[in-house]
Amino acid sequence: MSEILNILCAGAVQGIVKALQKRFDDETGATTKAQFGAVGAMKEALLAGDACDVMIVTDAMVVALQAEGRLGSRARAPLGRVRTGVAVTSGQPLVDVATPEALKAALLAASAIYFPDAQRSTAGIHFASVLSQLGIAEAVASRLRTFPNGATAMRELAADRSGRAIGCTQITEINYTPGASLVGALPKQFELATVYTAAVAAHTAQPALAQRFVDLLAGPASLALRTEGGFEFD
């Protein structure tokens, strides 16, 4: 019976993990099982006792969980930086979101606005704040469409046939969703660039296998894949 490697992973890294799972399983003979979702939901899953050998969330959350002794104290492995971006349904004209004024106009003109959980997801929390800063939260409230994570929000955006829908989440989640097209990052005044990091769980029964997956995920073998997906590096 093969070893099972359990992974709790932020939605922004979902595309990379899925792309590497078969390769890792073939090379090691293990079976990777990944659970994806908003970073807050992944933390809740870990604290609730869900099986976890590798945790992939924001760098800040990894540091906090290491301090609590829930993730191993070994050096964490940053994967790169992901900006929060704006998307439209593929085939729809690319709206202007280069300035706060342009973004405000695009959102006010949208038939629906898709984004992830405003309580537990990195992009959702930030985007809700952007709506407030733009002073349009109440004006667009009836058109907001929120989902547990960015991947689901983008799938729903891709299926929207109104012709004027818009969405916001991490750029990697947009890039990995067929039928969703990246317009661009949020304007500089509202920019959010999040570093995602992988770490081995403190109480994993297979630390060597877990570390091997982390090394594959964060190492040179996956660099081109991460770059193509929307990760950025200093």
C-alpha atoms as a PDB file:
ATOM      1  CA  MET A   1       0.000   0.000   0.000  1.00  0.00           C
ATOM      2  CA  SER A   2       1.445   3.383  -1.016  1.00  0.00           C
ATOM      3  CA  GLU A   3       2.055   6.167   1.464  1.00  0.00           C
ATOM      4  CA  ILE A   4      -0.514   8.967   1.470  1.00  0.00           C
ATOM      5  CA  LEU A   5       0.680  12.553   1.581  1.00  0.00           C
ATOM      6  CA  ASN A   6      -2.025  14.950   2.759  1.00  0.00           C
ATOM      7  CA  ILE A   7      -1.798  18.563   1.641  1.00  0.00           C
ATOM      8  CA  LEU A   8      -3.746  21.604   2.813  1.00  0.00           C
ATOM      9  CA  CYS A   9      -3.352  24.251   0.137  1.00  0.00           C
ATOM     10  CA  ALA A  10      -4.460  27.824  -0.505  1.00  0.00           C
ATOM     11  CA  GLY A  11      -6.489  28.228  -3.673  1.00  0.00           C
ATOM     12  CA  ALA A  12      -3.898  30.512  -5.236  1.00  0.00           C
ATOM     13  CA  VAL A  13      -1.461  27.579  -5.420  1.00  0.00           C
ATOM     14  CA  GLN A  14      -4.019  24.982  -6.523  1.00  0.00           C
ATOM     15  CA  GLY A  15      -2.976  24.970 -10.177  1.00  0.00           C
ATOM     16  CA  ILE A  16       0.685  24.345  -9.363  1.00  0.00           C
ATOM     17  CA  VAL A  17      -0.039  21.537  -6.904  1.00  0.00           C
ATOM     18  CA  LYS A  18      -2.391  19.807  -9.321  1.00  0.00           C
ATOM     19  CA  ALA A  19       0.192  20.077 -12.095  1.00  0.00           C
ATOM     20  CA  LEU A  20       2.855  18.411  -9.923  1.00  0.00           C
ATOM     21  CA  GLN A  21       0.823  15.695  -8.185  1.00  0.00           C
ATOM     22  CA  LYS A  22       1.119  12.972 -10.830  1.00  0.00           C
ATOM     23  CA  ARG A  23       4.828  13.576 -11.316  1.00  0.00           C
ATOM     24  CA  PHE A  24       5.432  13.352  -7.583  1.00  0.00           C
ATOM     25  CA  ASP A  25       3.302  10.242  -7.200  1.00  0.00           C
ATOM     26  CA  ASP A  26       5.068   8.543 -10.109  1.00  0.00           C
ATOM     27  CA  GLU A  27       8.513   9.390  -8.746  1.00  0.00           C
ATOM     28  CA  THR A  28       7.843   8.375  -5.149  1.00  0.00           C
ATOM     29  CA  GLY A  29       5.113   5.740  -5.350  1.00  0.00           C
ATOM     30  CA  ALA A  30       3.103   7.826  -2.891  1.00  0.00           C
ATOM     31  CA  THR A  31      -0.443   9.088  -3.286  1.00  0.00           C
ATOM     32  CA  THR A  32      -0.954  12.805  -2.752  1.00  0.00           C
ATOM     33  CA  LYS A  33      -4.329  13.986  -1.501  1.00  0.00           C
ATOM     34  CA  ALA A  34      -4.837  17.731  -1.599  1.00  0.00           C
ATOM     35  CA  GLN A  35      -7.537  19.866  -0.049  1.00  0.00           C
ATOM     36  CA  PHE A  36      -7.865  23.368  -1.536  1.00  0.00           C
ATOM     37  CA  GLY A  37      -9.591  26.483  -0.278  1.00  0.00           C
ATOM     38  CA  ALA A  38      -9.281  29.953   1.176  1.00  0.00           C
ATOM     39  CA  VAL A  39      -6.319  30.392   3.516  1.00  0.00           C
ATOM     40  CA  GLY A  40      -8.632  30.899   6.473  1.00  0.00           C
ATOM     41  CA  ALA A  41     -10.456  27.681   5.657  1.00  0.00           C
ATOM     42  CA  MET A  42      -7.146  25.798   5.424  1.00  0.00           C
ATOM     43  CA  LYS A  43      -6.108  27.077   8.837  1.00  0.00           C
ATOM     44  CA  GLU A  44      -9.473  26.023  10.239  1.00  0.00           C
ATOM     45  CA  ALA A  45      -9.012  22.563   8.715  1.00  0.00           C
ATOM     46  CA  LEU A  46      -5.566  22.206  10.313  1.00  0.00           C
ATOM     47  CA  LEU A  47      -6.817  23.337  13.726  1.00  0.00           C
ATOM     48  CA  ALA A  48      -9.790  20.982  13.436  1.00  0.00           C
ATOM     49  CA  GLY A  49      -7.445  18.040  13.047  1.00  0.00           C
ATOM     50  CA  ASP A  50      -7.704  17.349   9.316  1.00  0.00           C
ATOM     51  CA  ALA A  51      -4.869  15.167   8.072  1.00  0.00           C
ATOM     52  CA  CYS A  52      -1.948  17.355   7.032  1.00  0.00           C
ATOM     53  CA  ASP A  53       1.636  16.625   6.057  1.00  0.00           C
ATOM     54  CA  VAL A  54       2.267  19.768   3.996  1.00  0.00           C
ATOM     55  CA  MET A  55       0.683  23.191   4.466  1.00  0.00           C
ATOM     56  CA  ILE A  56       0.705  25.818   1.709  1.00  0.00           C
ATOM     57  CA  VAL A  57      -0.729  29.195   2.705  1.00  0.00           C
ATOM     58  CA  THR A  58       0.434  32.788   2.996  1.00  0.00           C
ATOM     59  CA  ASP A  59       3.909  33.347   4.350  1.00  0.00           C
ATOM     60  CA  ALA A  60       2.529  35.302   7.300  1.00  0.00           C
ATOM     61  CA  MET A  61       0.243  32.429   8.251  1.00  0.00           C
ATOM     62  CA  VAL A  62       3.060  29.890   7.968  1.00  0.00           C
ATOM     63  CA  VAL A  63       5.210  31.979  10.328  1.00  0.00           C
ATOM     64  CA  ALA A  64       2.349  32.214  12.832  1.00  0.00           C
ATOM     65  CA  LEU A  65       1.628  28.477  12.689  1.00  0.00           C
ATOM     66  CA  GLN A  66       5.314  27.670  13.119  1.00  0.00           C
ATOM     67  CA  ALA A  67       5.386  29.877  16.209  1.00  0.00           C
ATOM     68  CA  GLU A  68       2.419  27.898  17.573  1.00  0.00           C
ATOM     69  CA  GLY A  69       4.235  24.633  16.938  1.00  0.00           C
ATOM     70  CA  ARG A  70       1.696  23.424  14.374  1.00  0.00           C
ATOM     71  CA  LEU A  71       4.137  23.546  11.464  1.00  0.00           C
ATOM     72  CA  GLY A  72       7.726  22.353  11.556  1.00  0.00           C
ATOM     73  CA  SER A  73      10.379  24.806  12.632  1.00  0.00           C
ATOM     74  CA  ARG A  74      12.597  24.123   9.614  1.00  0.00           C
ATOM     75  CA  ALA A  75      13.088  26.999   7.191  1.00  0.00           C
ATOM     76  CA  ARG A  76       9.904  27.662   5.262  1.00  0.00           C
ATOM     77  CA  ALA A  77       9.904  27.482   1.459  1.00  0.00           C
ATOM     78  CA  PRO A  78       8.466  30.547  -0.327  1.00  0.00           C
ATOM     79  CA  LEU A  79       6.967  29.828  -3.747  1.00  0.00           C
ATOM     80  CA  GLY A  80       6.757  33.406  -4.993  1.00  0.00           C
ATOM     81  CA  ARG A  81       4.530  36.435  -4.913  1.00  0.00           C
ATOM     82  CA  VAL A  82       1.021  36.585  -6.381  1.00  0.00           C
ATOM     83  CA  ARG A  83      -0.839  39.807  -7.087  1.00  0.00           C
ATOM     84  CA  THR A  84      -4.577  40.244  -6.878  1.00  0.00           C
ATOM     85  CA  GLY A  85      -6.143  40.864 -10.275  1.00  0.00           C
ATOM     86  CA  VAL A  86      -9.311  41.590 -12.190  1.00  0.00           C
ATOM     87  CA  ALA A  87     -10.894  39.209 -14.690  1.00  0.00           C
ATOM     88  CA  VAL A  88     -13.726  39.083 -17.190  1.00  0.00           C
ATOM     89  CA  THR A  89     -15.417  36.225 -18.994  1.00  0.00           C
ATOM     90  CA  SER A  90     -13.345  35.144 -21.997  1.00  0.00           C
ATOM     91  CA  GLY A  91     -14.545  36.853 -25.156  1.00  0.00           C
ATOM     92  CA  GLN A  92     -15.802  39.852 -23.208  1.00  0.00           C
ATOM     93  CA  PRO A  93     -14.007  43.182 -23.875  1.00  0.00           C
ATOM     94  CA  LEU A  94     -11.135  43.830 -21.471  1.00  0.00           C
ATOM     95  CA  VAL A  95     -12.240  46.702 -19.269  1.00  0.00           C
ATOM     96  CA  ASP A  96      -9.918  49.445 -18.057  1.00  0.00           C
ATOM     97  CA  VAL A  97      -8.867  48.959 -14.416  1.00  0.00           C
ATOM     98  CA  ALA A  98      -5.547  50.814 -14.517  1.00  0.00           C
ATOM     99  CA  THR A  99      -6.610  53.592 -12.131  1.00  0.00           C
ATOM    100  CA  PRO A 100      -8.986  53.765  -9.157  1.00  0.00           C
ATOM    101  CA  GLU A 101     -11.381  55.865 -11.240  1.00  0.00           C
ATOM    102  CA  ALA A 102     -11.361  53.349 -14.103  1.00  0.00           C
ATOM    103  CA  LEU A 103     -11.812  50.412 -11.725  1.00  0.00           C
ATOM    104  CA  LYS A 104     -14.732  52.175 -10.043  1.00  0.00           C
ATOM    105  CA  ALA A 105     -16.419  52.805 -13.387  1.00  0.00           C
ATOM    106  CA  ALA A 106     -15.907  49.193 -14.489  1.00  0.00           C
ATOM    107  CA  LEU A 107     -17.381  47.815 -11.285  1.00  0.00           C
ATOM    108  CA  LEU A 108     -20.380  50.139 -11.388  1.00  0.00           C
ATOM    109  CA  ALA A 109     -21.055  49.051 -14.982  1.00  0.00           C
ATOM    110  CA  ALA A 110     -20.740  45.323 -14.239  1.00  0.00           C
ATOM    111  CA  SER A 111     -23.797  43.082 -14.314  1.00  0.00           C
ATOM    112  CA  ALA A 112     -22.284  40.878 -11.595  1.00  0.00           C
ATOM    113  CA  ILE A 113     -19.084  40.917  -9.518  1.00  0.00           C
ATOM    114  CA  TYR A 114     -17.488  37.584  -8.624  1.00  0.00           C
ATOM    115  CA  PHE A 115     -14.932  37.171  -5.837  1.00  0.00           C
ATOM    116  CA  PRO A 116     -13.995  34.790  -3.003  1.00  0.00           C
ATOM    117  CA  ASP A 117     -15.046  34.696   0.655  1.00  0.00           C
ATOM    118  CA  ALA A 118     -14.654  38.153   2.181  1.00  0.00           C
ATOM    119  CA  GLN A 119     -14.003  36.693   5.628  1.00  0.00           C
ATOM    120  CA  ARG A 120     -11.495  33.874   5.045  1.00  0.00           C
ATOM    121  CA  SER A 121      -9.764  34.409   1.697  1.00  0.00           C
ATOM    122  CA  THR A 122      -6.828  36.749   1.129  1.00  0.00           C
ATOM    123  CA  ALA A 123      -8.196  38.256  -2.080  1.00  0.00           C
ATOM    124  CA  GLY A 124     -11.790  38.404  -0.853  1.00  0.00           C
ATOM    125  CA  ILE A 125     -10.934  40.303   2.312  1.00  0.00           C
ATOM    126  CA  HIS A 126      -8.839  42.748   0.315  1.00  0.00           C
ATOM    127  CA  PHE A 127     -11.383  43.255  -2.459  1.00  0.00           C
ATOM    128  CA  ALA A 128     -14.160  43.979   0.034  1.00  0.00           C
ATOM    129  CA  SER A 129     -11.914  46.690   1.445  1.00  0.00           C
ATOM    130  CA  VAL A 130     -11.297  48.075  -2.055  1.00  0.00           C
ATOM    131  CA  LEU A 131     -15.059  48.370  -2.641  1.00  0.00           C
ATOM    132  CA  SER A 132     -15.360  50.330   0.590  1.00  0.00           C
ATOM    133  CA  GLN A 133     -12.430  52.582  -0.271  1.00  0.00           C
ATOM    134  CA  LEU A 134     -13.972  53.296  -3.669  1.00  0.00           C
ATOM    135  CA  GLY A 135     -17.208  54.212  -1.907  1.00  0.00           C
ATOM    136  CA  ILE A 136     -19.340  51.806  -3.948  1.00  0.00           C
ATOM    137  CA  ALA A 137     -19.932  48.888  -1.556  1.00  0.00           C
ATOM    138  CA  GLU A 138     -23.609  49.717  -1.110  1.00  0.00           C
ATOM    139  CA  ALA A 139     -24.156  50.601  -4.766  1.00  0.00           C
ATOM    140  CA  VAL A 140     -22.965  47.193  -5.980  1.00  0.00           C
ATOM    141  CA  ALA A 141     -24.137  45.052  -3.041  1.00  0.00           C
ATOM    142  CA  SER A 142     -26.959  43.402  -4.995  1.00  0.00           C
ATOM    143  CA  ARG A 143     -24.527  42.360  -7.739  1.00  0.00           C
ATOM    144  CA  LEU A 144     -21.882  40.776  -5.530  1.00  0.00           C
ATOM    145  CA  ARG A 145     -21.395  37.035  -6.022  1.00  0.00           C
ATOM    146  CA  THR A 146     -19.149  35.499  -3.368  1.00  0.00           C
ATOM    147  CA  PHE A 147     -17.895  31.912  -3.208  1.00  0.00           C
ATOM    148  CA  PRO A 148     -15.784  29.872  -0.756  1.00  0.00           C
ATOM    149  CA  ASN A 149     -12.594  30.353  -2.799  1.00  0.00           C
ATOM    150  CA  GLY A 150     -11.229  32.159  -5.826  1.00  0.00           C
ATOM    151  CA  ALA A 151     -11.192  29.107  -8.079  1.00  0.00           C
ATOM    152  CA  THR A 152     -14.937  28.605  -7.626  1.00  0.00           C
ATOM    153  CA  ALA A 153     -15.602  32.317  -8.081  1.00  0.00           C
ATOM    154  CA  MET A 154     -13.695  32.296 -11.378  1.00  0.00           C
ATOM    155  CA  ARG A 155     -15.497  29.188 -12.634  1.00  0.00           C
ATOM    156  CA  GLU A 156     -18.782  30.942 -11.983  1.00  0.00           C
ATOM    157  CA  LEU A 157     -17.518  34.073 -13.737  1.00  0.00           C
ATOM    158  CA  ALA A 158     -16.501  31.957 -16.733  1.00  0.00           C
ATOM    159  CA  ALA A 159     -20.052  30.577 -16.923  1.00  0.00           C
ATOM    160  CA  ASP A 160     -21.680  34.022 -16.770  1.00  0.00           C
ATOM    161  CA  ARG A 161     -23.313  34.917 -20.080  1.00  0.00           C
ATOM    162  CA  SER A 162     -24.475  38.440 -19.252  1.00  0.00           C
ATOM    163  CA  GLY A 163     -21.579  39.971 -21.173  1.00  0.00           C
ATOM    164  CA  ARG A 164     -20.720  42.500 -18.457  1.00  0.00           C
ATOM    165  CA  ALA A 165     -19.556  40.398 -15.514  1.00  0.00           C
ATOM    166  CA  ILE A 166     -16.295  41.088 -13.726  1.00  0.00           C
ATOM    167  CA  GLY A 167     -14.308  39.248 -11.073  1.00  0.00           C
ATOM    168  CA  CYS A 168     -11.429  39.729  -8.658  1.00  0.00           C
ATOM    169  CA  THR A 169      -9.118  37.193  -7.047  1.00  0.00           C
ATOM    170  CA  GLN A 170      -5.477  36.102  -7.060  1.00  0.00           C
ATOM    171  CA  ILE A 171      -3.969  36.206 -10.567  1.00  0.00           C
ATOM    172  CA  THR A 172      -2.942  32.545 -10.432  1.00  0.00           C
ATOM    173  CA  GLU A 173      -6.560  31.501  -9.904  1.00  0.00           C
ATOM    174  CA  ILE A 174      -7.622  33.569 -12.909  1.00  0.00           C
ATOM    175  CA  ASN A 175      -4.878  32.141 -15.111  1.00  0.00           C
ATOM    176  CA  TYR A 176      -5.813  28.547 -14.278  1.00  0.00           C
ATOM    177  CA  THR A 177      -9.527  28.961 -14.976  1.00  0.00           C
ATOM    178  CA  PRO A 178     -10.665  28.159 -18.535  1.00  0.00           C
ATOM    179  CA  GLY A 179     -13.147  30.757 -19.690  1.00  0.00           C
ATOM    180  CA  ALA A 180     -11.792  33.556 -17.475  1.00  0.00           C
ATOM    181  CA  SER A 181      -9.455  36.205 -18.892  1.00  0.00           C
ATOM    182  CA  LEU A 182      -7.054  38.335 -16.866  1.00  0.00           C
ATOM    183  CA  VAL A 183      -7.541  42.070 -17.353  1.00  0.00           C
ATOM    184  CA  GLY A 184      -4.688  43.095 -15.090  1.00  0.00           C
ATOM    185  CA  ALA A 185      -3.634  43.638 -11.518  1.00  0.00           C
ATOM    186  CA  LEU A 186      -5.507  46.006  -9.253  1.00  0.00           C
ATOM    187  CA  PRO A 187      -4.383  49.657  -9.546  1.00  0.00           C
ATOM    188  CA  LYS A 188      -1.182  50.407  -7.672  1.00  0.00           C
ATOM    189  CA  GLN A 189      -3.094  52.266  -4.943  1.00  0.00           C
ATOM    190  CA  PHE A 190      -4.943  49.025  -4.152  1.00  0.00           C
ATOM    191  CA  GLU A 191      -2.180  46.573  -4.985  1.00  0.00           C
ATOM    192  CA  LEU A 192      -1.964  43.382  -2.962  1.00  0.00           C
ATOM    193  CA  ALA A 193       0.989  41.077  -3.542  1.00  0.00           C
ATOM    194  CA  THR A 194       0.916  37.948  -1.388  1.00  0.00           C
ATOM    195  CA  VAL A 195       3.821  35.581  -0.811  1.00  0.00           C
ATOM    196  CA  TYR A 196       2.736  31.948  -0.583  1.00  0.00           C
ATOM    197  CA  THR A 197       4.881  29.494   1.321  1.00  0.00           C
ATOM    198  CA  ALA A 198       5.008  25.745   1.870  1.00  0.00           C
ATOM    199  CA  ALA A 199       5.994  24.049   5.120  1.00  0.00           C
ATOM    200  CA  VAL A 200       5.991  20.565   6.588  1.00  0.00           C
ATOM    201  CA  ALA A 201       3.450  19.901   9.344  1.00  0.00           C
ATOM    202  CA  ALA A 202       4.956  19.535  12.801  1.00  0.00           C
ATOM    203  CA  HIS A 203       3.395  16.168  13.529  1.00  0.00           C
ATOM    204  CA  THR A 204       3.610  14.468  10.150  1.00  0.00           C
ATOM    205  CA  ALA A 205       4.447  10.779  10.253  1.00  0.00           C
ATOM    206  CA  GLN A 206       6.487  11.084   7.056  1.00  0.00           C
ATOM    207  CA  PRO A 207       8.652  14.186   7.256  1.00  0.00           C
ATOM    208  CA  ALA A 208      11.095  13.093   4.542  1.00  0.00           C
ATOM    209  CA  LEU A 209       8.319  12.533   1.995  1.00  0.00           C
ATOM    210  CA  ALA A 210       6.646  15.804   2.949  1.00  0.00           C
ATOM    211  CA  GLN A 211       9.919  17.702   2.616  1.00  0.00           C
ATOM    212  CA  ARG A 212      10.489  16.135  -0.790  1.00  0.00           C
ATOM    213  CA  PHE A 213       7.165  17.525  -2.008  1.00  0.00           C
ATOM    214  CA  VAL A 214       7.970  20.954  -0.577  1.00  0.00           C
ATOM    215  CA  ASP A 215      11.347  20.906  -2.341  1.00  0.00           C
ATOM    216  CA  LEU A 216       9.682  20.034  -5.659  1.00  0.00           C
ATOM    217  CA  LEU A 217       7.025  22.701  -5.211  1.00  0.00           C
ATOM    218  CA  ALA A 218       9.387  25.516  -4.268  1.00  0.00           C
ATOM    219  CA  GLY A 219      12.499  24.471  -6.168  1.00  0.00           C
ATOM    220  CA  PRO A 220      13.917  25.091  -9.647  1.00  0.00           C
ATOM    221  CA  ALA A 221      12.041  22.150 -11.169  1.00  0.00           C
ATOM    222  CA  SER A 222       8.750  24.035 -10.834  1.00  0.00           C
ATOM    223  CA  LEU A 223      10.039  27.564 -11.489  1.00  0.00           C
ATOM    224  CA  ALA A 224       8.804  27.763 -15.095  1.00  0.00           C
ATOM    225  CA  LEU A 225       5.423  26.372 -14.061  1.00  0.00           C
ATOM    226  CA  ARG A 226       5.057  28.925 -11.300  1.00  0.00           C
ATOM    227  CA  THR A 227       6.095  31.781 -13.580  1.00  0.00           C
ATOM    228  CA  GLU A 228       3.601  30.749 -16.232  1.00  0.00           C
ATOM    229  CA  GLY A 229       0.865  30.546 -13.615  1.00  0.00           C
ATOM    230  CA  GLY A 230       1.377  34.112 -12.422  1.00  0.00           C
ATOM    231  CA  PHE A 231       3.901  33.904  -9.588  1.00  0.00           C
ATOM    232  CA  GLU A 232       6.432  36.729  -9.433  1.00  0.00           C
ATOM    233  CA  PHE A 233       9.904  36.797  -7.906  1.00  0.00           C
ATOM    234  CA  ASP A 234      12.258  39.491  -6.642  1.00  0.00           C
END
